[in-house]
Amino acid sequence: MRSPIPLPLFALALLGCSARVQLPPCQDSAPTSWDEHHGVAYHTELQVAMRCSRETGRPVLILFDAYAQSNRACWEVLGDRAVQALIRDRLVLCVLMVDDRKAIAPEDLVDFPQLRSNPTTIGQRNMALEAGFFERQSQPLFTMVNADFVSLAEPMGYVPKKQPEVLVNWIEAALERHP
């Protein structure tokens, strides 16, 4: 049975939806995915990325993306050496696909009446998060939050692959807001 959750508790619901699983300490859990072509390691589960953020004190750089996205420039930008250094040394990277069709386990389903959304797939849940908290629905979309899920920067969309300094400057400005 699904239970309604108020919008401010939406993130807490996402973070707690897999509470029945005992997760290892952050330093012992490698990122869950690897983009071999661009040399980028990242998490695909927000609750794991947020736990790592709490344990390391690093903010989470969230990228909302889609498998069906024809423009993969954001991955070219993530592969830039300056961007990789920031991710490796100062951030936790989490990539959330809005078209992931994997079903959410029945015991993890929750209602989100304020969003008029009852996600049943991981992609729907990621899309509801993107629309509900960051008030955007475009891919790619970069955003950064601290361990308390407080936004550190205005979300940013497309970054031209020939201009990784745009993302570097945005990350550095957001990091200035992080203690």
Protein backbone atom coordinates (compact mmCIF):
# COMPACT_ATOMS: atom_id res chain seq x y z
CA MET A 1 0.00 0.00 0.00
CA ARG A 2 1.31 3.40 -0.98
CA SER A 3 1.40 6.22 1.52
CA PRO A 4 1.12 9.90 0.56
CA ILE A 5 4.24 11.95 1.26
CA PRO A 6 4.30 15.76 1.40
CA LEU A 7 6.57 17.44 -1.17
CA PRO A 8 9.20 18.65 1.37
CA LEU A 9 9.66 15.05 2.44
CA PHE A 10 10.05 13.84 -1.15
CA ALA A 11 13.85 13.76 -0.97
CA LEU A 12 13.77 11.98 2.38
CA ALA A 13 11.48 9.37 0.87
CA LEU A 14 13.93 8.84 -1.97
CA LEU A 15 16.86 8.61 0.39
CA GLY A 16 15.11 6.21 2.71
CA CYS A 17 13.38 4.01 0.17
CA SER A 18 16.04 1.31 0.41
CA ALA A 19 16.49 1.45 4.17
CA ARG A 20 16.03 -2.31 4.41
CA VAL A 21 19.40 -2.77 2.65
CA GLN A 22 22.48 -2.45 4.85
CA LEU A 23 24.89 -0.28 2.84
CA PRO A 24 28.66 -0.47 3.33
CA PRO A 25 30.62 2.61 4.43
CA CYS A 26 31.18 5.13 1.63
CA GLN A 27 34.92 4.72 1.44
CA ASP A 28 34.44 1.00 0.84
CA SER A 29 31.82 1.39 -1.89
CA ALA A 30 33.06 2.33 -5.31
CA PRO A 31 30.84 4.30 -7.65
CA THR A 32 28.26 2.01 -9.20
CA SER A 33 28.99 2.82 -12.86
CA TRP A 34 31.86 3.72 -15.13
CA ASP A 35 31.81 5.53 -18.49
CA GLU A 36 34.80 3.84 -20.07
CA HIS A 37 34.98 6.12 -23.10
CA HIS A 38 35.21 9.31 -21.03
CA GLY A 39 36.85 7.91 -17.89
CA VAL A 40 34.08 8.99 -15.51
CA ALA A 41 33.03 7.01 -12.42
CA TYR A 42 29.64 7.80 -10.88
CA HIS A 43 26.79 6.60 -8.68
CA THR A 44 23.40 5.76 -10.15
CA GLU A 45 21.51 5.68 -6.85
CA LEU A 46 20.83 8.98 -5.12
CA GLN A 47 20.60 7.43 -1.66
CA VAL A 48 24.12 5.99 -2.01
CA ALA A 49 25.51 9.30 -3.30
CA MET A 50 23.87 11.21 -0.42
CA ARG A 51 25.25 8.74 2.12
CA CYS A 52 28.72 9.26 0.63
CA SER A 53 28.17 13.01 0.83
CA ARG A 54 27.31 12.77 4.52
CA GLU A 55 30.32 10.55 5.25
CA THR A 56 32.88 12.53 3.24
CA GLY A 57 31.52 16.06 3.64
CA ARG A 58 31.56 16.48 -0.14
CA PRO A 59 28.58 17.87 -2.04
CA VAL A 60 26.79 15.78 -4.68
CA LEU A 61 26.95 16.82 -8.32
CA ILE A 62 23.77 15.42 -9.85
CA LEU A 63 23.40 14.97 -13.59
CA PHE A 64 19.92 14.25 -14.88
CA ASP A 65 20.33 12.56 -18.24
CA ALA A 66 18.53 10.14 -20.56
CA TYR A 67 19.61 7.05 -22.44
CA ALA A 68 17.65 8.40 -25.41
CA GLN A 69 19.52 11.72 -25.29
CA SER A 70 21.04 12.17 -28.74
CA ASN A 71 23.52 14.84 -27.65
CA ARG A 72 26.17 13.28 -25.42
CA ALA A 73 28.20 16.50 -25.03
CA CYS A 74 27.73 16.44 -21.24
CA TRP A 75 29.82 13.24 -21.14
CA GLU A 76 32.54 14.89 -23.20
CA VAL A 77 32.57 17.72 -20.65
CA LEU A 78 32.67 15.27 -17.72
CA GLY A 79 35.68 13.64 -19.38
CA ASP A 80 37.64 16.93 -19.30
CA ARG A 81 40.69 16.73 -17.02
CA ALA A 82 39.78 19.82 -14.98
CA VAL A 83 36.23 18.57 -14.44
CA GLN A 84 37.49 15.08 -13.54
CA ALA A 85 39.90 16.56 -11.00
CA LEU A 86 37.07 18.47 -9.30
CA ILE A 87 34.90 15.36 -9.21
CA ARG A 88 37.71 13.14 -7.93
CA ASP A 89 38.96 15.57 -5.26
CA ARG A 90 35.88 17.48 -4.10
CA LEU A 91 32.57 15.95 -5.24
CA VAL A 92 30.38 12.87 -5.31
CA LEU A 93 28.94 12.37 -8.83
CA CYS A 94 25.48 10.90 -9.28
CA VAL A 95 23.89 10.34 -12.70
CA LEU A 96 20.11 9.88 -12.69
CA MET A 97 18.50 8.64 -15.89
CA VAL A 98 14.97 9.92 -16.42
CA ASP A 99 14.11 7.18 -18.91
CA ASP A 100 15.32 4.22 -16.81
CA ARG A 101 12.52 1.66 -17.15
CA LYS A 102 13.55 -0.55 -14.24
CA ALA A 103 10.58 -1.01 -11.91
CA ILE A 104 10.68 0.26 -8.36
CA ALA A 105 10.17 -2.54 -5.85
CA PRO A 106 6.54 -2.59 -4.58
CA GLU A 107 7.63 -1.95 -0.99
CA ASP A 108 9.49 1.19 -2.15
CA LEU A 109 6.51 2.77 -3.95
CA VAL A 110 5.21 6.03 -2.48
CA ASP A 111 2.63 8.61 -3.61
CA PHE A 112 3.68 12.16 -4.44
CA PRO A 113 0.33 14.03 -4.62
CA GLN A 114 1.92 17.49 -4.81
CA LEU A 115 3.75 16.43 -7.94
CA ARG A 116 0.68 14.61 -9.29
CA SER A 117 3.02 11.73 -9.80
CA ASN A 118 3.11 8.15 -8.60
CA PRO A 119 6.39 6.88 -10.04
CA THR A 120 6.60 3.16 -10.68
CA THR A 121 9.95 3.15 -12.50
CA ILE A 122 13.33 4.55 -11.52
CA GLY A 123 13.19 6.95 -14.46
CA GLN A 124 9.78 8.30 -13.41
CA ARG A 125 11.09 8.79 -9.87
CA ASN A 126 14.17 10.62 -11.19
CA MET A 127 11.98 12.79 -13.42
CA ALA A 128 9.68 13.62 -10.49
CA LEU A 129 12.73 14.63 -8.44
CA GLU A 130 14.05 16.81 -11.26
CA ALA A 131 10.71 18.54 -11.80
CA GLY A 132 9.66 18.73 -8.15
CA PHE A 133 12.84 20.00 -6.54
CA PHE A 134 14.78 21.67 -9.28
CA GLU A 135 11.77 22.92 -11.26
CA ARG A 136 13.30 21.85 -14.54
CA GLN A 137 12.70 19.08 -16.96
CA SER A 138 15.50 18.98 -19.46
CA GLN A 139 18.38 16.70 -20.14
CA PRO A 140 21.16 17.12 -19.52
CA LEU A 141 20.68 19.05 -16.27
CA PHE A 142 23.42 19.58 -13.70
CA THR A 143 22.67 20.52 -10.11
CA MET A 144 24.61 20.36 -6.86
CA VAL A 145 23.34 19.69 -3.33
CA ASN A 146 24.97 19.38 0.07
CA ALA A 147 24.55 16.42 2.44
CA ASP A 148 21.27 17.96 3.72
CA PHE A 149 19.89 18.07 0.16
CA VAL A 150 20.12 21.88 0.02
CA SER A 151 20.84 23.24 -3.43
CA LEU A 152 24.22 24.96 -3.79
CA ALA A 153 23.66 26.38 -7.27
CA GLU A 154 20.99 27.21 -9.80
CA PRO A 155 20.61 24.15 -12.05
CA MET A 156 22.48 24.33 -15.34
CA GLY A 157 21.56 22.62 -18.59
CA TYR A 158 23.56 21.95 -21.71
CA VAL A 159 27.31 22.69 -21.64
CA PRO A 160 29.03 22.79 -25.04
CA LYS A 161 31.64 20.04 -25.26
CA LYS A 162 34.26 22.54 -26.39
CA GLN A 163 33.64 24.71 -23.29
CA PRO A 164 34.28 22.59 -20.18
CA GLU A 165 35.39 25.76 -18.36
CA VAL A 166 31.68 26.71 -18.19
CA LEU A 167 31.05 23.65 -15.99
CA VAL A 168 34.30 24.16 -14.04
CA ASN A 169 33.31 27.77 -13.22
CA TRP A 170 29.80 26.70 -12.22
CA ILE A 171 31.16 23.93 -9.95
CA GLU A 172 33.70 26.24 -8.33
CA ALA A 173 31.02 28.89 -7.65
CA ALA A 174 28.78 26.23 -6.05
CA LEU A 175 31.68 24.91 -3.96
CA GLU A 176 32.20 28.42 -2.55
CA ARG A 177 28.70 28.08 -1.00
CA HIS A 178 29.66 24.76 0.61
CA PRO A 179 31.37 24.97 4.02
